Amino acid sequence: MKKRELAPGESVDLEVTLNSSHTIGKVHKSVTITSNDPVNPSVTLNFTADLGSESPTLKITPVEVLYDSIQVGKNDIRRILLSNTDITKINLSVIEKPKEVVDIDIKKSNLEPGKSTEIIFRIDKKATPGYFNLYSTLEVNGSDKYRITIPISGTLVAK
């Protein structure tokens, strides 16, 4: 507040800050303002907030990409569904991918609460035959504190 004493009928802006660290879900808080007004000696302001988590909740189905035996050069696609089950918007980015074997395409990188997107995995047509056990990493909301690793494995068979 810029002023601590107000004349009758005068007003002032009051800034209230909620420290939301370590708080998830619905929060109810109040601020009580006391005064020397004999009619209204105190006024209570109530606030409600719905806070998302520091690490938003994502549902991944399935949790890994499995290729059994795939012939080199064959156009074989696998899909994973990512669903934002949190109450806040989520931004996704692929930060690591095994370029030499699998191409990865994320359909939507921004997910509103309750929305989903697909990640499409395609075997590179020039990949070398043999067994592979790799992974791809997604970063959530640009934070190195929240990353998702998706295992990718299978066997490429020569033509």
N, C-alpha and C. Protein backbone atom coordinates (compact mmCIF):
# COMPACT_ATOMS: atom_id res chain seq x y z
N MET A 1 0.84 -1.18 0.00
CA MET A 1 0.00 0.00 0.00
C MET A 1 0.88 1.23 0.00
N LYS A 2 0.41 2.23 -0.71
CA LYS A 2 1.18 3.48 -0.77
C LYS A 2 0.90 4.35 0.46
N LYS A 3 -0.30 4.17 1.05
CA LYS A 3 -0.65 4.95 2.24
C LYS A 3 -1.16 4.01 3.31
N ARG A 4 -0.83 4.30 4.55
CA ARG A 4 -1.33 3.48 5.66
C ARG A 4 -2.54 4.12 6.33
N GLU A 5 -2.74 5.42 6.14
CA GLU A 5 -3.90 6.10 6.73
C GLU A 5 -4.73 6.71 5.62
N LEU A 6 -6.05 6.47 5.68
CA LEU A 6 -6.96 6.96 4.66
C LEU A 6 -8.02 7.85 5.30
N ALA A 7 -8.36 8.90 4.61
CA ALA A 7 -9.46 9.77 5.05
C ALA A 7 -10.78 9.11 4.67
N PRO A 8 -11.90 9.48 5.31
CA PRO A 8 -13.20 8.91 4.95
C PRO A 8 -13.47 9.06 3.45
N GLY A 9 -13.87 7.95 2.79
CA GLY A 9 -14.17 7.96 1.36
C GLY A 9 -12.96 7.77 0.47
N GLU A 10 -11.79 7.82 1.02
CA GLU A 10 -10.56 7.67 0.25
C GLU A 10 -10.26 6.17 0.02
N SER A 11 -9.56 5.86 -1.07
CA SER A 11 -9.21 4.46 -1.35
C SER A 11 -7.74 4.36 -1.73
N VAL A 12 -7.24 3.14 -1.68
CA VAL A 12 -5.86 2.87 -2.04
C VAL A 12 -5.79 1.46 -2.63
N ASP A 13 -4.84 1.24 -3.55
CA ASP A 13 -4.64 -0.09 -4.10
C ASP A 13 -3.85 -0.94 -3.11
N LEU A 14 -4.27 -2.19 -2.99
CA LEU A 14 -3.60 -3.14 -2.11
C LEU A 14 -3.13 -4.31 -2.96
N GLU A 15 -1.85 -4.59 -2.93
CA GLU A 15 -1.31 -5.72 -3.70
C GLU A 15 -1.10 -6.90 -2.77
N VAL A 16 -1.66 -8.05 -3.17
CA VAL A 16 -1.54 -9.28 -2.39
C VAL A 16 -0.84 -10.31 -3.27
N THR A 17 0.17 -10.97 -2.72
CA THR A 17 0.92 -11.99 -3.46
C THR A 17 0.76 -13.33 -2.77
N LEU A 18 0.45 -14.36 -3.56
CA LEU A 18 0.33 -15.72 -3.04
C LEU A 18 1.61 -16.47 -3.36
N ASN A 19 2.26 -16.99 -2.33
CA ASN A 19 3.43 -17.83 -2.54
C ASN A 19 2.91 -19.24 -2.81
N SER A 20 2.95 -19.65 -4.07
CA SER A 20 2.35 -20.93 -4.46
C SER A 20 3.36 -22.07 -4.50
N SER A 21 4.58 -21.84 -4.05
CA SER A 21 5.56 -22.92 -4.09
C SER A 21 5.10 -24.06 -3.19
N HIS A 22 5.29 -25.26 -3.69
CA HIS A 22 4.90 -26.49 -2.98
C HIS A 22 3.39 -26.60 -2.77
N THR A 23 2.60 -25.92 -3.58
CA THR A 23 1.15 -25.97 -3.47
C THR A 23 0.56 -26.45 -4.78
N ILE A 24 -0.32 -27.46 -4.70
CA ILE A 24 -0.96 -28.01 -5.89
C ILE A 24 -2.45 -28.15 -5.60
N GLY A 25 -3.27 -27.86 -6.60
CA GLY A 25 -4.72 -28.04 -6.46
C GLY A 25 -5.42 -26.77 -6.00
N LYS A 26 -6.63 -26.94 -5.46
CA LYS A 26 -7.43 -25.80 -5.01
C LYS A 26 -6.84 -25.23 -3.73
N VAL A 27 -6.75 -23.90 -3.68
CA VAL A 27 -6.22 -23.20 -2.51
C VAL A 27 -7.21 -22.10 -2.14
N HIS A 28 -7.51 -22.00 -0.86
CA HIS A 28 -8.38 -20.93 -0.36
C HIS A 28 -7.56 -20.11 0.62
N LYS A 29 -7.44 -18.82 0.38
CA LYS A 29 -6.68 -17.92 1.24
C LYS A 29 -7.53 -16.69 1.53
N SER A 30 -7.18 -16.00 2.61
CA SER A 30 -7.90 -14.77 2.94
C SER A 30 -6.93 -13.74 3.49
N VAL A 31 -7.31 -12.50 3.34
CA VAL A 31 -6.56 -11.36 3.87
C VAL A 31 -7.55 -10.53 4.67
N THR A 32 -7.20 -10.23 5.91
CA THR A 32 -8.07 -9.41 6.75
C THR A 32 -7.44 -8.04 6.91
N ILE A 33 -8.23 -7.01 6.62
CA ILE A 33 -7.78 -5.63 6.75
C ILE A 33 -8.49 -5.04 7.96
N THR A 34 -7.70 -4.56 8.91
CA THR A 34 -8.28 -3.95 10.12
C THR A 34 -8.16 -2.44 10.04
N SER A 35 -9.11 -1.79 10.68
CA SER A 35 -9.10 -0.32 10.68
C SER A 35 -9.69 0.20 11.98
N ASN A 36 -9.68 1.51 12.11
CA ASN A 36 -10.30 2.13 13.29
C ASN A 36 -11.73 2.58 13.00
N ASP A 37 -12.30 2.11 11.90
CA ASP A 37 -13.69 2.42 11.55
C ASP A 37 -14.60 1.71 12.55
N PRO A 38 -15.41 2.47 13.32
CA PRO A 38 -16.26 1.84 14.33
C PRO A 38 -17.38 0.97 13.72
N VAL A 39 -17.81 1.27 12.50
CA VAL A 39 -18.89 0.51 11.86
C VAL A 39 -18.34 -0.80 11.26
N ASN A 40 -17.21 -0.71 10.57
CA ASN A 40 -16.57 -1.89 9.95
C ASN A 40 -15.11 -1.97 10.41
N PRO A 41 -14.85 -2.53 11.59
CA PRO A 41 -13.48 -2.56 12.10
C PRO A 41 -12.55 -3.50 11.33
N SER A 42 -13.12 -4.42 10.55
CA SER A 42 -12.29 -5.29 9.72
C SER A 42 -13.08 -5.76 8.51
N VAL A 43 -12.34 -6.01 7.44
CA VAL A 43 -12.91 -6.54 6.20
C VAL A 43 -12.02 -7.72 5.80
N THR A 44 -12.65 -8.84 5.45
CA THR A 44 -11.90 -10.01 5.02
C THR A 44 -12.13 -10.24 3.53
N LEU A 45 -11.02 -10.34 2.79
CA LEU A 45 -11.06 -10.64 1.37
C LEU A 45 -10.69 -12.11 1.19
N ASN A 46 -11.53 -12.87 0.49
CA ASN A 46 -11.28 -14.29 0.26
C ASN A 46 -10.82 -14.52 -1.18
N PHE A 47 -9.84 -15.40 -1.33
CA PHE A 47 -9.29 -15.72 -2.64
C PHE A 47 -9.31 -17.24 -2.82
N THR A 48 -9.57 -17.65 -4.05
CA THR A 48 -9.50 -19.07 -4.40
C THR A 48 -8.65 -19.20 -5.66
N ALA A 49 -7.77 -20.18 -5.66
CA ALA A 49 -6.93 -20.43 -6.83
C ALA A 49 -6.87 -21.93 -7.07
N ASP A 50 -6.70 -22.30 -8.33
CA ASP A 50 -6.52 -23.69 -8.71
C ASP A 50 -5.14 -23.79 -9.33
N LEU A 51 -4.19 -24.33 -8.58
CA LEU A 51 -2.78 -24.32 -8.98
C LEU A 51 -2.35 -25.65 -9.57
N GLY A 52 -1.66 -25.57 -10.71
CA GLY A 52 -1.11 -26.77 -11.33
C GLY A 52 0.17 -27.17 -10.63
N SER A 53 0.70 -28.29 -11.02
CA SER A 53 1.91 -28.78 -10.38
C SER A 53 3.15 -28.21 -11.07
N GLU A 54 4.26 -28.20 -10.36
CA GLU A 54 5.53 -27.75 -10.93
C GLU A 54 5.93 -28.68 -12.07
N SER A 55 5.64 -29.95 -11.90
CA SER A 55 5.86 -30.94 -12.95
C SER A 55 4.50 -31.41 -13.42
N PRO A 56 4.00 -30.85 -14.51
CA PRO A 56 2.66 -31.19 -14.97
C PRO A 56 2.49 -32.69 -15.20
N THR A 57 1.26 -33.13 -15.12
CA THR A 57 0.96 -34.55 -15.25
C THR A 57 0.66 -34.89 -16.70
N LEU A 58 1.42 -35.81 -17.23
CA LEU A 58 1.23 -36.31 -18.59
C LEU A 58 0.95 -37.80 -18.54
N LYS A 59 0.00 -38.24 -19.36
CA LYS A 59 -0.26 -39.67 -19.50
C LYS A 59 0.31 -40.09 -20.84
N ILE A 60 1.11 -41.15 -20.85
CA ILE A 60 1.77 -41.62 -22.07
C ILE A 60 1.29 -43.04 -22.36
N THR A 61 0.74 -43.23 -23.56
CA THR A 61 0.21 -44.54 -23.94
C THR A 61 0.64 -44.90 -25.36
N PRO A 62 1.33 -46.00 -25.57
CA PRO A 62 2.03 -46.84 -24.59
C PRO A 62 3.28 -46.12 -24.09
N VAL A 63 3.96 -46.69 -23.12
CA VAL A 63 5.11 -46.01 -22.51
C VAL A 63 6.42 -46.28 -23.23
N GLU A 64 6.40 -47.14 -24.25
CA GLU A 64 7.60 -47.42 -25.03
C GLU A 64 7.22 -47.74 -26.47
N VAL A 65 8.20 -47.62 -27.35
CA VAL A 65 7.99 -47.91 -28.77
C VAL A 65 8.70 -49.22 -29.08
N LEU A 66 7.91 -50.24 -29.45
CA LEU A 66 8.48 -51.56 -29.74
C LEU A 66 8.28 -51.91 -31.20
N TYR A 67 9.39 -52.21 -31.86
CA TYR A 67 9.37 -52.76 -33.21
C TYR A 67 9.87 -54.19 -33.05
N ASP A 68 9.11 -55.15 -33.51
CA ASP A 68 9.60 -56.53 -33.43
C ASP A 68 10.68 -56.69 -34.49
N SER A 69 10.40 -57.36 -35.57
CA SER A 69 11.34 -57.48 -36.69
C SER A 69 10.80 -56.66 -37.85
N ILE A 70 11.56 -55.68 -38.26
CA ILE A 70 11.15 -54.79 -39.34
C ILE A 70 12.18 -54.90 -40.46
N GLN A 71 11.69 -55.05 -41.68
CA GLN A 71 12.59 -55.12 -42.83
C GLN A 71 13.10 -53.72 -43.16
N VAL A 72 14.41 -53.59 -43.40
CA VAL A 72 15.01 -52.31 -43.77
C VAL A 72 14.31 -51.78 -45.02
N GLY A 73 13.98 -50.51 -45.02
CA GLY A 73 13.32 -49.88 -46.16
C GLY A 73 11.81 -49.88 -46.06
N LYS A 74 11.26 -50.68 -45.16
CA LYS A 74 9.81 -50.74 -45.00
C LYS A 74 9.33 -49.51 -44.22
N ASN A 75 8.22 -48.94 -44.67
CA ASN A 75 7.66 -47.76 -44.01
C ASN A 75 6.80 -48.23 -42.83
N ASP A 76 7.41 -48.33 -41.66
CA ASP A 76 6.71 -48.83 -40.48
C ASP A 76 6.60 -47.72 -39.44
N ILE A 77 5.37 -47.44 -39.03
CA ILE A 77 5.10 -46.32 -38.13
C ILE A 77 4.58 -46.84 -36.79
N ARG A 78 5.05 -46.22 -35.71
CA ARG A 78 4.51 -46.47 -34.36
C ARG A 78 4.05 -45.13 -33.82
N ARG A 79 3.05 -45.17 -32.94
CA ARG A 79 2.49 -43.93 -32.38
C ARG A 79 2.41 -44.03 -30.86
N ILE A 80 2.64 -42.91 -30.22
CA ILE A 80 2.42 -42.78 -28.78
C ILE A 80 1.48 -41.60 -28.58
N LEU A 81 0.54 -41.76 -27.67
CA LEU A 81 -0.40 -40.69 -27.35
C LEU A 81 0.03 -40.05 -26.04
N LEU A 82 0.21 -38.73 -26.06
CA LEU A 82 0.51 -37.97 -24.84
C LEU A 82 -0.71 -37.15 -24.50
N SER A 83 -1.19 -37.27 -23.26
CA SER A 83 -2.38 -36.54 -22.81
C SER A 83 -2.01 -35.65 -21.64
N ASN A 84 -2.43 -34.39 -21.70
CA ASN A 84 -2.21 -33.45 -20.61
C ASN A 84 -3.33 -33.63 -19.60
N THR A 85 -3.03 -34.28 -18.49
CA THR A 85 -4.04 -34.51 -17.45
C THR A 85 -3.92 -33.49 -16.32
N ASP A 86 -3.12 -32.46 -16.53
CA ASP A 86 -2.94 -31.41 -15.53
C ASP A 86 -3.95 -30.29 -15.76
N ILE A 87 -3.90 -29.27 -14.92
CA ILE A 87 -4.81 -28.12 -15.05
C ILE A 87 -4.13 -26.93 -15.71
N THR A 88 -2.87 -27.12 -16.13
CA THR A 88 -2.13 -26.04 -16.78
C THR A 88 -1.69 -26.45 -18.17
N LYS A 89 -1.42 -25.46 -19.01
CA LYS A 89 -0.94 -25.70 -20.37
C LYS A 89 0.47 -26.29 -20.31
N ILE A 90 0.77 -27.17 -21.27
CA ILE A 90 2.08 -27.82 -21.33
C ILE A 90 2.70 -27.58 -22.70
N ASN A 91 3.99 -27.26 -22.71
CA ASN A 91 4.76 -27.12 -23.95
C ASN A 91 5.77 -28.25 -24.01
N LEU A 92 5.77 -28.96 -25.13
CA LEU A 92 6.65 -30.12 -25.31
C LEU A 92 7.68 -29.85 -26.39
N SER A 93 8.89 -30.36 -26.20
CA SER A 93 9.88 -30.30 -27.27
C SER A 93 10.74 -31.56 -27.22
N VAL A 94 11.06 -32.08 -28.40
CA VAL A 94 11.94 -33.24 -28.51
C VAL A 94 13.36 -32.71 -28.43
N ILE A 95 14.11 -33.14 -27.41
CA ILE A 95 15.48 -32.63 -27.26
C ILE A 95 16.54 -33.67 -27.61
N GLU A 96 16.15 -34.96 -27.61
CA GLU A 96 17.08 -36.01 -28.03
C GLU A 96 16.31 -37.03 -28.84
N LYS A 97 16.88 -37.40 -29.99
CA LYS A 97 16.27 -38.45 -30.78
C LYS A 97 17.35 -39.20 -31.55
N PRO A 98 17.14 -40.51 -31.72
CA PRO A 98 18.13 -41.33 -32.43
C PRO A 98 17.97 -41.17 -33.94
N LYS A 99 18.56 -40.12 -34.48
CA LYS A 99 18.40 -39.76 -35.90
C LYS A 99 18.82 -40.86 -36.87
N GLU A 100 19.80 -41.67 -36.47
CA GLU A 100 20.32 -42.68 -37.39
C GLU A 100 19.37 -43.85 -37.62
N VAL A 101 18.35 -44.01 -36.77
CA VAL A 101 17.44 -45.14 -36.91
C VAL A 101 15.98 -44.71 -37.02
N VAL A 102 15.57 -43.75 -36.19
CA VAL A 102 14.15 -43.39 -36.10
C VAL A 102 13.96 -41.89 -36.30
N ASP A 103 12.95 -41.54 -37.09
CA ASP A 103 12.53 -40.15 -37.25
C ASP A 103 11.33 -39.94 -36.34
N ILE A 104 11.29 -38.81 -35.64
CA ILE A 104 10.22 -38.54 -34.67
C ILE A 104 9.52 -37.25 -35.03
N ASP A 105 8.19 -37.30 -35.01
CA ASP A 105 7.38 -36.13 -35.32
C ASP A 105 6.32 -35.96 -34.24
N ILE A 106 6.34 -34.82 -33.57
CA ILE A 106 5.32 -34.53 -32.56
C ILE A 106 4.28 -33.63 -33.22
N LYS A 107 3.03 -34.05 -33.20
CA LYS A 107 1.97 -33.36 -33.93
C LYS A 107 1.67 -31.97 -33.36
N LYS A 108 1.51 -31.86 -32.04
CA LYS A 108 1.25 -30.57 -31.40
C LYS A 108 2.19 -30.43 -30.22
N SER A 109 2.91 -29.32 -30.17
CA SER A 109 3.85 -29.14 -29.06
C SER A 109 3.23 -28.38 -27.89
N ASN A 110 2.10 -27.74 -28.10
CA ASN A 110 1.41 -27.02 -27.02
C ASN A 110 0.12 -27.74 -26.70
N LEU A 111 -0.02 -28.18 -25.45
CA LEU A 111 -1.21 -28.93 -25.04
C LEU A 111 -1.97 -28.20 -23.94
N GLU A 112 -3.20 -27.86 -24.23
CA GLU A 112 -4.07 -27.28 -23.22
C GLU A 112 -4.50 -28.39 -22.25
N PRO A 113 -4.97 -28.04 -21.06
CA PRO A 113 -5.45 -29.06 -20.13
C PRO A 113 -6.52 -29.95 -20.77
N GLY A 114 -6.39 -31.25 -20.58
CA GLY A 114 -7.35 -32.20 -21.12
C GLY A 114 -7.14 -32.58 -22.58
N LYS A 115 -6.18 -31.98 -23.25
CA LYS A 115 -5.93 -32.25 -24.67
C LYS A 115 -4.80 -33.28 -24.84
N SER A 116 -4.74 -33.87 -26.03
CA SER A 116 -3.74 -34.90 -26.34
C SER A 116 -3.05 -34.61 -27.66
N THR A 117 -1.92 -35.26 -27.85
CA THR A 117 -1.20 -35.19 -29.12
C THR A 117 -0.54 -36.54 -29.39
N GLU A 118 -0.20 -36.76 -30.64
CA GLU A 118 0.49 -37.99 -31.03
C GLU A 118 1.95 -37.70 -31.31
N ILE A 119 2.77 -38.65 -30.96
CA ILE A 119 4.16 -38.63 -31.40
C ILE A 119 4.28 -39.81 -32.37
N ILE A 120 4.78 -39.52 -33.56
CA ILE A 120 4.89 -40.55 -34.60
C ILE A 120 6.36 -40.92 -34.77
N PHE A 121 6.63 -42.22 -34.75
CA PHE A 121 7.98 -42.76 -34.90
C PHE A 121 8.04 -43.53 -36.21
N ARG A 122 9.01 -43.17 -37.07
CA ARG A 122 9.20 -43.84 -38.37
C ARG A 122 10.64 -44.36 -38.45
N ILE A 123 10.77 -45.59 -38.89
CA ILE A 123 12.11 -46.17 -39.09
C ILE A 123 12.73 -45.52 -40.32
N ASP A 124 13.98 -45.08 -40.19
CA ASP A 124 14.70 -44.51 -41.32
C ASP A 124 14.94 -45.61 -42.36
N LYS A 125 14.59 -45.33 -43.61
CA LYS A 125 14.70 -46.34 -44.68
C LYS A 125 16.15 -46.74 -44.96
N LYS A 126 17.12 -45.95 -44.50
CA LYS A 126 18.53 -46.26 -44.74
C LYS A 126 19.22 -46.79 -43.48
N ALA A 127 18.44 -47.12 -42.46
CA ALA A 127 19.02 -47.61 -41.20
C ALA A 127 19.74 -48.93 -41.41
N THR A 128 20.76 -49.17 -40.63
CA THR A 128 21.57 -50.39 -40.71
C THR A 128 20.85 -51.56 -40.04
N PRO A 129 20.85 -52.74 -40.67
CA PRO A 129 20.21 -53.91 -40.06
C PRO A 129 20.84 -54.26 -38.71
N GLY A 130 20.02 -54.84 -37.84
CA GLY A 130 20.49 -55.26 -36.52
C GLY A 130 19.54 -54.82 -35.43
N TYR A 131 19.87 -55.24 -34.22
CA TYR A 131 19.05 -54.89 -33.06
C TYR A 131 19.37 -53.46 -32.63
N PHE A 132 18.35 -52.74 -32.21
CA PHE A 132 18.57 -51.39 -31.66
C PHE A 132 17.78 -51.23 -30.37
N ASN A 133 18.38 -50.51 -29.45
CA ASN A 133 17.76 -50.20 -28.16
C ASN A 133 18.14 -48.76 -27.85
N LEU A 134 17.26 -47.85 -28.20
CA LEU A 134 17.55 -46.41 -28.14
C LEU A 134 16.49 -45.71 -27.30
N TYR A 135 16.54 -44.40 -27.29
CA TYR A 135 15.53 -43.62 -26.57
C TYR A 135 15.40 -42.25 -27.19
N SER A 136 14.28 -41.63 -26.88
CA SER A 136 14.03 -40.24 -27.25
C SER A 136 13.67 -39.51 -25.97
N THR A 137 14.07 -38.25 -25.87
CA THR A 137 13.77 -37.47 -24.67
C THR A 137 12.96 -36.24 -25.02
N LEU A 138 11.88 -36.04 -24.27
CA LEU A 138 11.05 -34.85 -24.40
C LEU A 138 11.30 -33.95 -23.20
N GLU A 139 11.28 -32.65 -23.46
CA GLU A 139 11.39 -31.69 -22.37
C GLU A 139 10.04 -31.01 -22.23
N VAL A 140 9.59 -30.83 -20.98
CA VAL A 140 8.29 -30.24 -20.70
C VAL A 140 8.48 -28.83 -20.17
N ASN A 141 7.80 -27.88 -20.80
CA ASN A 141 7.82 -26.46 -20.39
C ASN A 141 9.22 -25.88 -20.33
N GLY A 142 10.12 -26.37 -21.20
CA GLY A 142 11.46 -25.81 -21.29
C GLY A 142 12.30 -26.00 -20.04
N SER A 143 11.94 -26.98 -19.20
CA SER A 143 12.66 -27.18 -17.95
C SER A 143 13.48 -28.46 -17.99
N ASP A 144 14.77 -28.34 -17.63
CA ASP A 144 15.58 -29.55 -17.57
C ASP A 144 15.23 -30.38 -16.34
N LYS A 145 14.32 -29.87 -15.50
CA LYS A 145 13.87 -30.62 -14.33
C LYS A 145 12.75 -31.60 -14.67
N TYR A 146 12.10 -31.40 -15.82
CA TYR A 146 11.00 -32.31 -16.19
C TYR A 146 11.22 -32.80 -17.61
N ARG A 147 11.78 -33.99 -17.69
CA ARG A 147 12.03 -34.62 -18.98
C ARG A 147 11.43 -36.02 -18.97
N ILE A 148 11.00 -36.45 -20.15
CA ILE A 148 10.39 -37.77 -20.31
C ILE A 148 11.25 -38.55 -21.29
N THR A 149 11.65 -39.74 -20.91
CA THR A 149 12.44 -40.60 -21.78
C THR A 149 11.56 -41.72 -22.30
N ILE A 150 11.53 -41.87 -23.62
CA ILE A 150 10.73 -42.91 -24.27
C ILE A 150 11.67 -43.95 -24.88
N PRO A 151 11.66 -45.18 -24.36
CA PRO A 151 12.50 -46.24 -24.94
C PRO A 151 11.99 -46.65 -26.33
N ILE A 152 12.93 -46.92 -27.24
CA ILE A 152 12.61 -47.35 -28.61
C ILE A 152 13.50 -48.56 -28.91
N SER A 153 12.89 -49.70 -29.22
CA SER A 153 13.72 -50.88 -29.50
C SER A 153 13.09 -51.76 -30.57
N GLY A 154 13.93 -52.59 -31.16
CA GLY A 154 13.47 -53.52 -32.18
C GLY A 154 14.64 -54.10 -32.96
N THR A 155 14.30 -54.83 -34.01
CA THR A 155 15.32 -55.44 -34.86
C THR A 155 15.04 -55.10 -36.31
N LEU A 156 16.06 -54.58 -36.99
CA LEU A 156 15.97 -54.31 -38.42
C LEU A 156 16.58 -55.48 -39.18
N VAL A 157 15.81 -56.02 -40.11
CA VAL A 157 16.23 -57.18 -40.88
C VAL A 157 16.55 -56.74 -42.31
N ALA A 158 17.67 -57.23 -42.86
CA ALA A 158 18.06 -56.88 -44.23
C ALA A 158 17.02 -57.39 -45.22
N LYS A 159 16.95 -56.70 -46.38
CA LYS A 159 15.98 -57.09 -47.43
C LYS A 159 16.29 -58.44 -48.00
